Amino acid sequence: MSTDRKIDYIELPASDCDQFQTFYSAVFGWSFTDYGPEYRAFSDGCMGGGIYKSELMSRTENGASLIVLFADDLEATRDRVTEHGGSICKDIFAFPGGRRFQFLDPHGNELGVWSDK
C-alpha cells in the first residue's frame, strides 16, 4: 500500500512526558523513543507520532481534530483508560458502523476509541 498522501505522523502536547509515556504504554501498548526532556516519539505499531512539552491541550471544544483509536474490546479498553489515570468525557455510544467513547488522557488531551462490535 502506498504511503503517498496518507497521514503519517501526529503530535500531541504533554506537560509531563513521563506520565504520557506511562499512560499510553500501559493502556495502548505504544513504544517510545526519548529525544530529550521536551520531545519523545511514539509508535503504535502502525503509525508514528510524537509528544512535545506544552501546557496546551488538544480538545474538540477548542477546535482540535479528534484522534480515534480502534479497539476490539471497547469496554475493556475504557476500563484500562480509567485504571491508568484517564477520564471518560463521553461514555460508550453507538453510531452508524460501530460504537465509541471519548476520553481525556492524564494531561487533558481528548481522544476517542471505537469498535465495530
Foldseek 3Di string as FASTA:
>chain_A
DDCPPPDAEEEFEAQAPVLVCVLCCQLQVKDWDDPDRAKIKIDSPPHIYMYGNDLDAADVVVVHDAAEAEDADAVVSQVSQVVSQKAWPAPWDDDVQWIKTWIQHNSGYIYMYTYSD
